[in-house]
Protein backbone atom coordinates (compact mmCIF):
# COMPACT_ATOMS: atom_id res chain seq x y z
CA UNK A 1 58.19 101.06 91.19
CA UNK A 2 59.77 99.37 94.19
CA UNK A 3 62.99 97.59 95.01
CA UNK A 4 62.97 93.90 95.89
CA UNK A 5 65.99 92.80 97.93
CA UNK A 6 66.82 89.15 98.61
CA UNK A 7 69.54 88.43 101.18
CA UNK A 8 70.91 84.88 101.49
CA UNK A 9 73.07 84.27 104.56
CA UNK A 10 76.01 81.89 104.86
CA UNK A 11 76.11 78.26 105.97
CA UNK A 12 75.06 77.98 109.61
CA UNK A 13 74.33 81.73 109.83
CA UNK A 14 71.04 83.33 110.82
CA UNK A 15 69.78 86.43 112.58
CA UNK A 16 70.16 84.67 115.92
CA UNK A 17 73.14 82.39 115.45
CA UNK A 18 76.50 82.35 113.77
CA UNK A 19 79.98 80.96 114.06
CA UNK A 20 80.79 83.42 116.82
CA UNK A 21 77.35 84.99 117.31
CA UNK A 22 78.35 88.14 115.45
CA UNK A 23 76.19 89.59 112.70
CA UNK A 24 77.13 88.77 109.14
CA UNK A 25 77.34 91.47 106.51
CA UNK A 26 74.23 90.05 104.85
CA UNK A 27 72.35 90.71 108.08
CA UNK A 28 73.93 94.13 108.58
CA UNK A 29 73.25 95.23 105.01
CA UNK A 30 69.55 94.47 105.58
CA UNK A 31 69.61 96.67 108.69
CA UNK A 32 71.38 99.43 106.75
CA UNK A 33 68.63 99.71 104.14
CA UNK A 34 66.33 102.68 104.55
CA UNK A 35 62.63 102.09 105.19
CA UNK A 36 61.72 105.76 105.13
CA UNK A 37 58.42 106.67 103.52
CA UNK A 38 60.24 109.51 101.76
CA UNK A 39 62.16 107.10 99.54
CA UNK A 40 61.24 104.43 97.02
CA UNK A 41 59.75 101.39 98.74
CA UNK A 42 62.34 98.72 99.51
CA UNK A 43 61.10 95.27 100.58
CA UNK A 44 63.55 92.73 101.99
CA UNK A 45 63.54 88.94 102.11
CA UNK A 46 66.18 87.65 104.54
CA UNK A 47 67.05 83.99 104.36
CA UNK A 48 69.01 82.07 107.00
CA UNK A 49 71.87 79.95 105.77
CA UNK A 50 71.94 76.22 105.14
CA UNK A 51 72.32 74.29 108.38
CA UNK A 52 70.05 76.53 110.47
CA UNK A 53 66.97 74.40 109.82
CA UNK A 54 65.37 72.72 112.82
CA UNK A 55 65.19 69.03 111.91
CA UNK A 56 64.79 68.02 115.51
CA UNK A 57 68.29 66.52 115.54
CA UNK A 58 70.15 69.44 117.07
CA UNK A 59 73.68 70.03 115.81
CA UNK A 60 73.65 66.67 114.01
CA UNK A 61 70.76 67.84 111.86
CA UNK A 62 72.50 71.11 111.10
CA UNK A 63 75.68 69.29 110.10
CA UNK A 64 73.62 66.95 107.90
CA UNK A 65 72.18 69.91 105.99
CA UNK A 66 75.59 71.53 105.66
CA UNK A 67 77.38 68.36 104.60
CA UNK A 68 74.88 67.25 101.97
CA UNK A 69 73.87 70.67 100.78
CA UNK A 70 70.29 69.98 101.76
CA UNK A 71 68.42 73.23 101.75
CA UNK A 72 69.97 75.00 98.76
CA UNK A 73 67.15 73.99 96.42
CA UNK A 74 64.54 74.96 99.01
CA UNK A 75 66.29 78.29 99.56
CA UNK A 76 66.22 79.04 95.84
CA UNK A 77 62.53 78.08 95.72
CA UNK A 78 61.65 80.31 98.68
CA UNK A 79 63.59 83.32 97.39
CA UNK A 80 62.18 83.02 93.87
CA UNK A 81 58.64 82.62 95.22
CA UNK A 82 59.04 85.82 97.27
CA UNK A 83 60.10 87.71 94.15
CA UNK A 84 57.34 86.14 92.07
CA UNK A 85 54.69 87.06 94.66
CA UNK A 86 55.83 90.69 94.85
CA UNK A 87 57.17 91.58 91.41
CA UNK A 88 55.43 94.11 89.19
CA UNK A 89 56.79 95.45 85.89
CA UNK A 90 59.32 98.20 86.55
CA UNK A 91 60.49 96.85 89.91
CA UNK A 92 64.23 96.54 90.52
CA UNK A 93 65.71 93.28 91.84
CA UNK A 94 68.77 93.03 94.13
CA UNK A 95 70.30 89.82 95.46
CA UNK A 96 73.01 89.50 98.13
CA UNK A 97 74.73 86.55 99.76
CA UNK A 98 77.64 85.28 101.82
CA UNK A 99 79.51 82.00 101.47
CA UNK A 100 77.14 79.23 100.40
CA UNK A 101 74.38 81.84 100.48
CA UNK A 102 76.35 83.81 97.89
CA UNK A 103 76.28 80.76 95.64
CA UNK A 104 72.51 80.53 96.20
CA UNK A 105 72.21 84.22 95.29
CA UNK A 106 74.23 83.74 92.11
CA UNK A 107 72.24 80.68 91.00
CA UNK A 108 69.00 82.57 91.62
CA UNK A 109 70.22 85.55 89.59
CA UNK A 110 71.46 83.31 86.77
CA UNK A 111 68.13 81.48 86.60
CA UNK A 112 66.01 84.65 86.62
CA UNK A 113 68.14 86.40 84.02
CA UNK A 114 67.70 83.41 81.70
CA UNK A 115 64.05 82.55 82.40
CA UNK A 116 62.38 85.59 83.96
CA UNK A 117 59.73 85.91 86.68
CA UNK A 118 56.52 83.97 86.13
CA UNK A 119 53.22 85.83 85.89
CA UNK A 120 50.81 85.56 88.81
CA UNK A 121 48.52 83.72 89.14
CA UNK A 122 48.24 82.02 85.75
CA UNK A 123 51.72 80.62 85.31
CA UNK A 124 53.23 80.26 88.77
CA UNK A 125 53.17 76.51 88.23
CA UNK A 126 55.75 77.00 85.47
CA UNK A 127 58.52 77.70 87.97
CA UNK A 128 58.63 74.14 89.32
CA UNK A 129 59.05 72.71 85.84
CA UNK A 130 61.66 75.28 84.87
CA UNK A 131 63.78 74.85 88.00
CA UNK A 132 63.67 71.06 87.53
CA UNK A 133 64.90 71.50 83.95
CA UNK A 134 67.58 73.85 85.27
CA UNK A 135 68.67 71.23 87.79
CA UNK A 136 68.63 68.49 85.11
CA UNK A 137 70.60 70.58 82.63
CA UNK A 138 67.85 70.74 79.98
CA UNK A 139 66.74 74.34 80.50
CA UNK A 140 68.39 75.84 77.42
CA UNK A 141 67.12 73.03 75.22
CA UNK A 142 63.49 73.70 76.17
CA UNK A 143 63.74 77.40 77.03
CA UNK A 144 60.86 78.44 74.74
CA UNK A 145 58.56 75.89 76.35
CA UNK A 146 59.34 77.31 79.77
CA UNK A 147 58.91 80.95 78.75
CA UNK A 148 55.94 80.76 76.39
CA UNK A 149 52.53 79.14 76.33
CA UNK A 150 51.42 78.18 72.84
CA UNK A 151 47.64 77.80 72.57
CA UNK A 152 46.11 75.46 70.03
CA UNK A 153 45.11 78.46 67.98
CA UNK A 154 46.86 81.80 68.06
CA UNK A 155 50.26 83.24 68.87
CA UNK A 156 52.50 82.14 71.76
CA UNK A 157 51.84 83.96 75.04
CA UNK A 158 54.69 84.88 77.38
CA UNK A 159 54.44 83.23 80.78
CA UNK A 160 57.14 85.39 82.33
CA UNK A 161 58.23 88.93 82.95
CA UNK A 162 61.61 89.44 81.31
CA UNK A 163 63.76 90.94 84.08
CA UNK A 164 67.22 92.31 84.70
CA UNK A 165 68.99 91.88 88.01
CA UNK A 166 70.18 95.32 89.08
CA UNK A 167 72.84 94.12 91.55
CA UNK A 168 74.20 90.80 92.74
CA UNK A 169 76.46 91.43 95.74
CA UNK A 170 78.49 88.60 97.28
CA UNK A 171 80.92 88.07 100.10
CA UNK A 172 83.39 85.22 99.49
CA UNK A 173 81.28 82.86 97.41
CA UNK A 174 81.75 79.18 98.20
CA UNK A 175 80.15 76.67 95.83
CA UNK A 176 81.58 73.63 97.61
CA UNK A 177 79.80 72.52 100.71
CA UNK A 178 82.35 73.95 103.09
CA UNK A 179 83.25 70.56 104.54
CA UNK A 180 86.14 68.18 103.80
CA UNK A 181 85.78 66.78 100.29
CA UNK A 182 85.99 63.16 101.44
CA UNK A 183 82.77 63.61 103.44
CA UNK A 184 80.93 64.74 100.32
CA UNK A 185 82.54 63.47 97.14
CA UNK A 186 79.64 64.75 95.05
CA UNK A 187 79.55 68.40 96.13
CA UNK A 188 78.06 70.72 93.53
CA UNK A 189 79.34 68.31 90.91
CA UNK A 190 76.70 65.86 92.15
CA UNK A 191 72.96 66.45 91.98
CA UNK A 192 73.47 70.23 91.79
CA UNK A 193 76.13 70.14 89.08
CA UNK A 194 73.94 72.11 86.65
CA UNK A 195 73.27 74.91 89.13
CA UNK A 196 75.25 77.78 87.67
CA UNK A 197 76.41 80.91 89.45
CA UNK A 198 77.98 82.33 86.30
CA UNK A 199 77.38 85.79 84.88
CA UNK A 200 74.94 86.10 82.00
CA UNK A 201 73.36 88.98 80.14
CA UNK A 202 70.66 90.46 82.32
CA UNK A 203 72.84 90.78 85.42
CA UNK A 204 73.82 94.45 85.37
CA UNK A 205 76.18 94.85 88.35
CA UNK A 206 78.16 92.09 90.07
CA UNK A 207 80.16 92.95 93.22
CA UNK A 208 82.30 90.34 95.00
CA UNK A 209 84.44 90.76 98.14
CA UNK A 210 87.11 88.06 98.58
CA UNK A 211 89.34 86.87 101.46
CA UNK A 212 93.12 86.73 100.94
CA UNK A 213 93.99 84.78 104.11
CA UNK A 214 91.51 81.90 103.78
CA UNK A 215 93.31 78.61 103.06
CA UNK A 216 90.79 75.84 103.78
CA UNK A 217 90.37 73.80 100.60
CA UNK A 218 86.58 73.31 101.00
CA UNK A 219 86.29 77.11 101.18
CA UNK A 220 88.03 77.79 97.87
CA UNK A 221 86.35 80.81 96.27
CA UNK A 222 84.00 80.55 93.32
CA UNK A 223 85.12 83.37 91.06
CA UNK A 224 83.05 85.27 88.54
CA UNK A 225 84.14 85.45 84.90
CA UNK A 226 82.78 87.74 82.23
CA UNK A 227 80.94 85.84 79.47
CA UNK A 228 82.73 84.98 76.25
CA UNK A 229 80.10 86.87 74.28
CA UNK A 230 81.44 90.40 73.81
CA UNK A 231 78.04 92.08 73.92
CA UNK A 232 77.06 90.25 77.10
CA UNK A 233 80.42 91.05 78.72
CA UNK A 234 80.07 94.76 77.96
CA UNK A 235 76.64 94.83 79.60
CA UNK A 236 77.96 93.65 82.99
CA UNK A 237 79.74 95.82 85.56
CA UNK A 238 81.93 93.24 87.32
CA UNK A 239 84.01 94.22 90.36
CA UNK A 240 85.87 91.62 92.44
CA UNK A 241 88.03 92.94 95.27
CA UNK A 242 90.48 91.15 97.58
CA UNK A 243 90.59 92.05 101.29
CA UNK A 244 92.75 90.97 104.24
CA UNK A 245 91.32 88.28 106.47
CA UNK A 246 89.69 84.88 106.22
CA UNK A 247 86.25 83.78 105.06
CA UNK A 248 84.24 84.99 108.06
CA UNK A 249 86.36 88.14 108.43
CA UNK A 250 85.16 89.18 105.00
CA UNK A 251 81.57 87.98 105.34
CA UNK A 252 81.16 89.03 108.96
CA UNK A 253 80.33 86.98 112.03
CA UNK A 254 83.35 87.23 114.34
CA UNK A 255 83.35 89.37 117.48
CA UNK A 256 85.98 91.62 115.91
CA UNK A 257 84.19 93.14 112.93
CA UNK A 258 86.92 95.58 111.86
CA UNK A 259 87.67 93.76 108.60
CA UNK A 260 83.99 92.98 108.03
CA UNK A 261 83.33 96.72 108.36
CA UNK A 262 85.70 97.30 105.43
CA UNK A 263 83.89 94.87 103.16
CA UNK A 264 80.44 96.08 104.23
CA UNK A 265 81.44 99.68 103.52
CA UNK A 266 82.85 98.66 100.14
CA UNK A 267 79.60 96.88 99.21
CA UNK A 268 77.35 99.69 100.41
CA UNK A 269 79.36 102.32 98.52
CA UNK A 270 79.07 100.20 95.35
CA UNK A 271 75.29 100.03 95.85
CA UNK A 272 74.61 103.66 96.81
CA UNK A 273 73.55 104.67 93.27
CA UNK A 274 70.86 101.98 93.29
CA UNK A 275 69.60 101.62 96.88
CA UNK A 276 68.69 103.98 99.72
CA UNK A 277 70.57 103.44 102.97
CA UNK A 278 69.86 104.60 106.51
CA UNK A 279 72.60 107.12 107.31
CA UNK A 280 71.92 106.79 111.04
CA UNK A 281 72.74 103.09 110.96
CA UNK A 282 75.90 103.70 108.95
CA UNK A 283 76.89 106.50 111.32
CA UNK A 284 76.40 104.11 114.24
CA UNK A 285 78.73 101.54 112.68
CA UNK A 286 81.37 104.20 112.02
CA UNK A 287 81.05 105.55 115.56
CA UNK A 288 81.42 102.10 117.10
CA UNK A 289 84.40 101.37 114.88
CA UNK A 290 86.07 104.54 116.13
CA UNK A 291 85.54 104.06 119.86
CA UNK A 292 88.75 103.83 121.93
CA UNK A 293 88.00 100.26 123.04
CA UNK A 294 87.83 99.20 119.38
CA UNK A 295 91.11 100.84 118.40
CA UNK A 296 94.36 99.04 119.02
CA UNK A 297 96.89 100.95 116.98
CA UNK A 298 97.59 104.52 115.99
CA UNK A 299 96.97 103.49 112.38
CA UNK A 300 93.97 101.27 112.98
CA UNK A 301 92.43 101.15 109.49
CA UNK A 302 92.92 97.82 107.74
CA UNK A 303 94.42 96.21 110.81
CA UNK A 304 91.52 94.34 112.37
CA UNK A 305 92.14 90.90 113.78
CA UNK A 306 92.08 87.97 111.39
CA UNK A 307 91.30 84.54 112.75
CA UNK A 308 93.05 81.25 112.00
CA UNK A 309 90.11 79.55 110.30
CA UNK A 310 92.20 76.54 109.31
CA UNK A 311 92.86 75.52 112.92
CA UNK A 312 89.33 76.39 113.99
CA UNK A 313 87.72 74.56 111.09
CA UNK A 314 89.71 71.30 111.34
CA UNK A 315 89.29 70.61 107.64
CA UNK A 316 92.59 68.71 107.30
CA UNK A 317 93.17 70.03 103.79
CA UNK A 318 94.32 73.44 102.59
CA UNK A 319 94.58 75.35 99.36
CA UNK A 320 96.04 78.83 99.22
CA UNK A 321 94.20 81.39 97.17
CA UNK A 322 95.66 82.66 93.90
CA UNK A 323 94.53 86.19 92.97
CA UNK A 324 94.65 86.86 89.25
CA UNK A 325 95.33 83.22 88.35
CA UNK A 326 91.93 81.53 88.49
CA UNK A 327 90.50 79.68 85.49
CA UNK A 328 86.93 78.66 84.71
CA UNK A 329 85.61 75.10 84.64
CA UNK A 330 87.06 74.62 81.15
CA UNK A 331 90.51 75.63 82.35
CA UNK A 332 90.38 78.89 80.41
CA UNK A 333 91.65 82.17 81.82
CA UNK A 334 88.90 84.76 81.43
CA UNK A 335 88.40 88.35 82.51
CA UNK A 336 87.71 88.55 86.24
CA UNK A 337 88.18 92.29 86.88
CA UNK A 338 90.05 91.69 90.14
CA UNK A 339 91.48 94.45 92.31
CA UNK A 340 93.19 94.53 95.70
CA UNK A 341 91.71 96.79 98.37
CA UNK A 342 93.90 99.64 99.72
CA UNK A 343 93.56 98.17 103.23
CA UNK A 344 95.81 95.33 102.07
CA UNK A 345 98.63 97.79 101.35
CA UNK A 346 98.03 99.59 104.66
CA UNK A 347 98.26 96.32 106.56
CA UNK A 348 101.26 95.14 104.53
CA UNK A 349 103.23 98.33 105.15
CA UNK A 350 102.30 98.87 108.79
CA UNK A 351 103.23 95.31 109.75
CA UNK A 352 106.71 95.96 108.45
CA UNK A 353 107.16 99.52 109.64
CA UNK A 354 106.09 98.81 113.21
CA UNK A 355 107.90 95.56 113.81
CA UNK A 356 104.83 93.41 113.39
CA UNK A 357 102.99 94.65 116.51
CA UNK A 358 99.59 93.96 115.05
CA UNK A 359 96.38 92.92 116.72
CA UNK A 360 96.69 89.29 115.69
CA UNK A 361 100.17 88.77 117.02
CA UNK A 362 103.78 89.57 116.28
CA UNK A 363 105.38 89.06 112.90
CA UNK A 364 105.10 90.39 109.41
CA UNK A 365 101.75 89.93 107.71
CA UNK A 366 102.44 87.96 104.54
CA UNK A 367 99.47 85.93 103.27
CA UNK A 368 100.40 82.97 101.09
CA UNK A 369 97.98 84.32 98.49
CA UNK A 370 100.38 87.24 97.91
CA UNK A 371 103.50 85.11 97.68
CA UNK A 372 105.66 86.56 94.91
CA UNK A 373 103.75 89.86 94.88
CA UNK A 374 105.17 93.24 95.79
CA UNK A 375 103.30 96.56 95.92
CA UNK A 376 104.46 99.23 93.50
CA UNK A 377 103.44 102.85 93.07
CA UNK A 378 101.92 103.16 89.62
CA UNK A 379 100.84 106.02 87.42
CA UNK A 380 98.85 108.94 88.85
CA UNK A 381 99.61 107.88 92.42
CA UNK A 382 97.71 104.59 92.10
CA UNK A 383 99.27 101.46 93.55
CA UNK A 384 99.45 98.06 91.93
CA UNK A 385 100.57 94.59 92.98
CA UNK A 386 103.23 92.99 90.80
CA UNK A 387 104.09 89.30 90.74
CA UNK A 388 107.45 88.24 89.38
CA UNK A 389 108.85 84.87 88.38
CA UNK A 390 112.53 84.46 87.54
CA UNK A 391 112.83 88.24 87.59
CA UNK A 392 110.07 88.79 85.03
CA UNK A 393 106.69 90.35 85.65
CA UNK A 394 104.02 87.71 85.13
CA UNK A 395 100.98 89.36 86.73
CA UNK A 396 99.82 92.84 87.73
CA UNK A 397 96.70 93.48 89.81
CA UNK A 398 95.69 97.08 90.29
CA UNK A 399 94.63 98.54 93.60
CA UNK A 400 90.93 99.26 93.96
CA UNK A 401 89.96 102.94 93.72
CA UNK A 402 89.38 104.68 97.03
CA UNK A 403 88.03 108.14 97.90
CA UNK A 404 90.83 110.61 98.59
CA UNK A 405 90.71 112.55 101.86
CA UNK A 406 90.25 115.81 100.00
CA UNK A 407 87.06 114.50 98.35
CA UNK A 408 85.36 114.23 101.74
CA UNK A 409 83.92 117.07 103.84
CA UNK A 410 86.58 119.15 105.57
CA UNK A 411 84.87 118.72 108.92
CA UNK A 412 84.69 115.05 109.87
CA UNK A 413 84.22 115.65 113.58
CA UNK A 414 80.72 114.31 113.03
CA UNK A 415 79.85 111.36 110.84
CA UNK A 416 76.40 112.78 110.11
CA UNK A 417 77.18 113.03 106.43
CA UNK A 418 76.42 111.28 103.16
CA UNK A 419 80.13 110.89 102.47
CA UNK A 420 81.60 107.59 101.34
CA UNK A 421 81.15 104.90 104.00
CA UNK A 422 84.65 103.63 103.16
CA UNK A 423 86.08 107.12 103.54
CA UNK A 424 84.40 107.64 106.90
CA UNK A 425 85.82 104.39 108.26
CA UNK A 426 89.31 105.47 107.30
CA UNK A 427 89.33 109.19 107.98
CA UNK A 428 86.71 109.98 110.63
CA UNK A 429 88.43 111.16 113.83
CA UNK A 430 88.61 108.99 116.91
CA UNK A 431 89.64 109.49 120.49
CA UNK A 432 93.06 107.86 120.96
CA UNK A 433 93.21 104.87 123.24
CA UNK A 434 95.09 105.18 126.49
CA UNK A 435 98.53 103.54 126.74
CA UNK A 436 97.35 101.45 129.69
CA UNK A 437 94.43 100.04 127.70
CA UNK A 438 96.67 99.20 124.76
CA UNK A 439 99.11 97.43 127.09
CA UNK A 440 96.31 95.36 128.65
CA UNK A 441 94.97 94.44 125.22
CA UNK A 442 98.35 93.24 123.97
CA UNK A 443 98.91 91.21 127.14
CA UNK A 444 95.49 89.56 126.90
CA UNK A 445 95.56 88.81 123.18
CA UNK A 446 99.15 87.78 122.46
């Protein structure tokens, strides 16, 4: 038995390039996976995002791929082929993605859960026909034809391995093309309108980190909803968690990775029961996060810089996010299992208690996505976010669970421990920054 991991990076992101040349969490998660011979074999397929292809046109070619979505079908083909070439019965499959790559990951998982993985070498040709039917919207109609070969005499023979997807992990899924809608009126409702990133039976764990501060309309999040079928819904562990920051804060790629560290830690802790991680790499990330030059407040956790993606992106249209109020394509409100990360409360409270002297400028942090919400201490010490309208409670979103300090080792002077990655980021000790450094930072950044 081995573990097959597919990692699909975001639009314009690769191992060597990104919006601000920082590593995305897709990239960093790949580095965090253990390759020790003492553990179960883990093989990784990393895929650069749409818009990193070399068409010989420079930035114009990259923009062409991003604007028209060219590359998503090829990315699905390449990722599926990697799995098909390596899969053996009993192997576990994991798929991760960020942004448009998260949509690619979800479509791939949806397709495999419904069809399976074709047998080598006899039926590899079946994939091309099946993915075309998937694209055309006729897959369900002819599903038996795609999964079984019926000889002239005898019983049907399965062409595929029936598989389950152990984990699909996503950072801020974007199904639109990430460009102004007027430049691409078709979007995923065009030639890719039948590509579905929805949850189906066969996807066991679905983890999704979401950005509260993102407001560009083309970057509206593609939420997950549990299936209507009760049995299918019970079989899926769905966790969707809201974090401070914008799209690339949550998915990683900016120079300041403090918020990206939160979402990476959250994802890794969700996946620890299923994957082996390199503790040395995680320890390195924690150590770097706790260096004096990376600390700009006495209560640093949850207070990393968020960037104004709207001004940087020049999309001309905006749409604030609406936690707890999303509906599916049919306009129905379904179960989304949303939570709000504790770092949101920490940032919310500290911005008010300290007069707004945060890393991203003065003022109280109040994302439009939380308009009407107030935090409230709930039962058993757990917090929740309550939205009121005309004095009446209309929505409650619970805070995501977080390891308590007393559940971690007493001695955190060293991060050489298998403790929760999230807990280490919050509680591991750090050398305080000098007042002179803090003063210089504030002067240079505000």
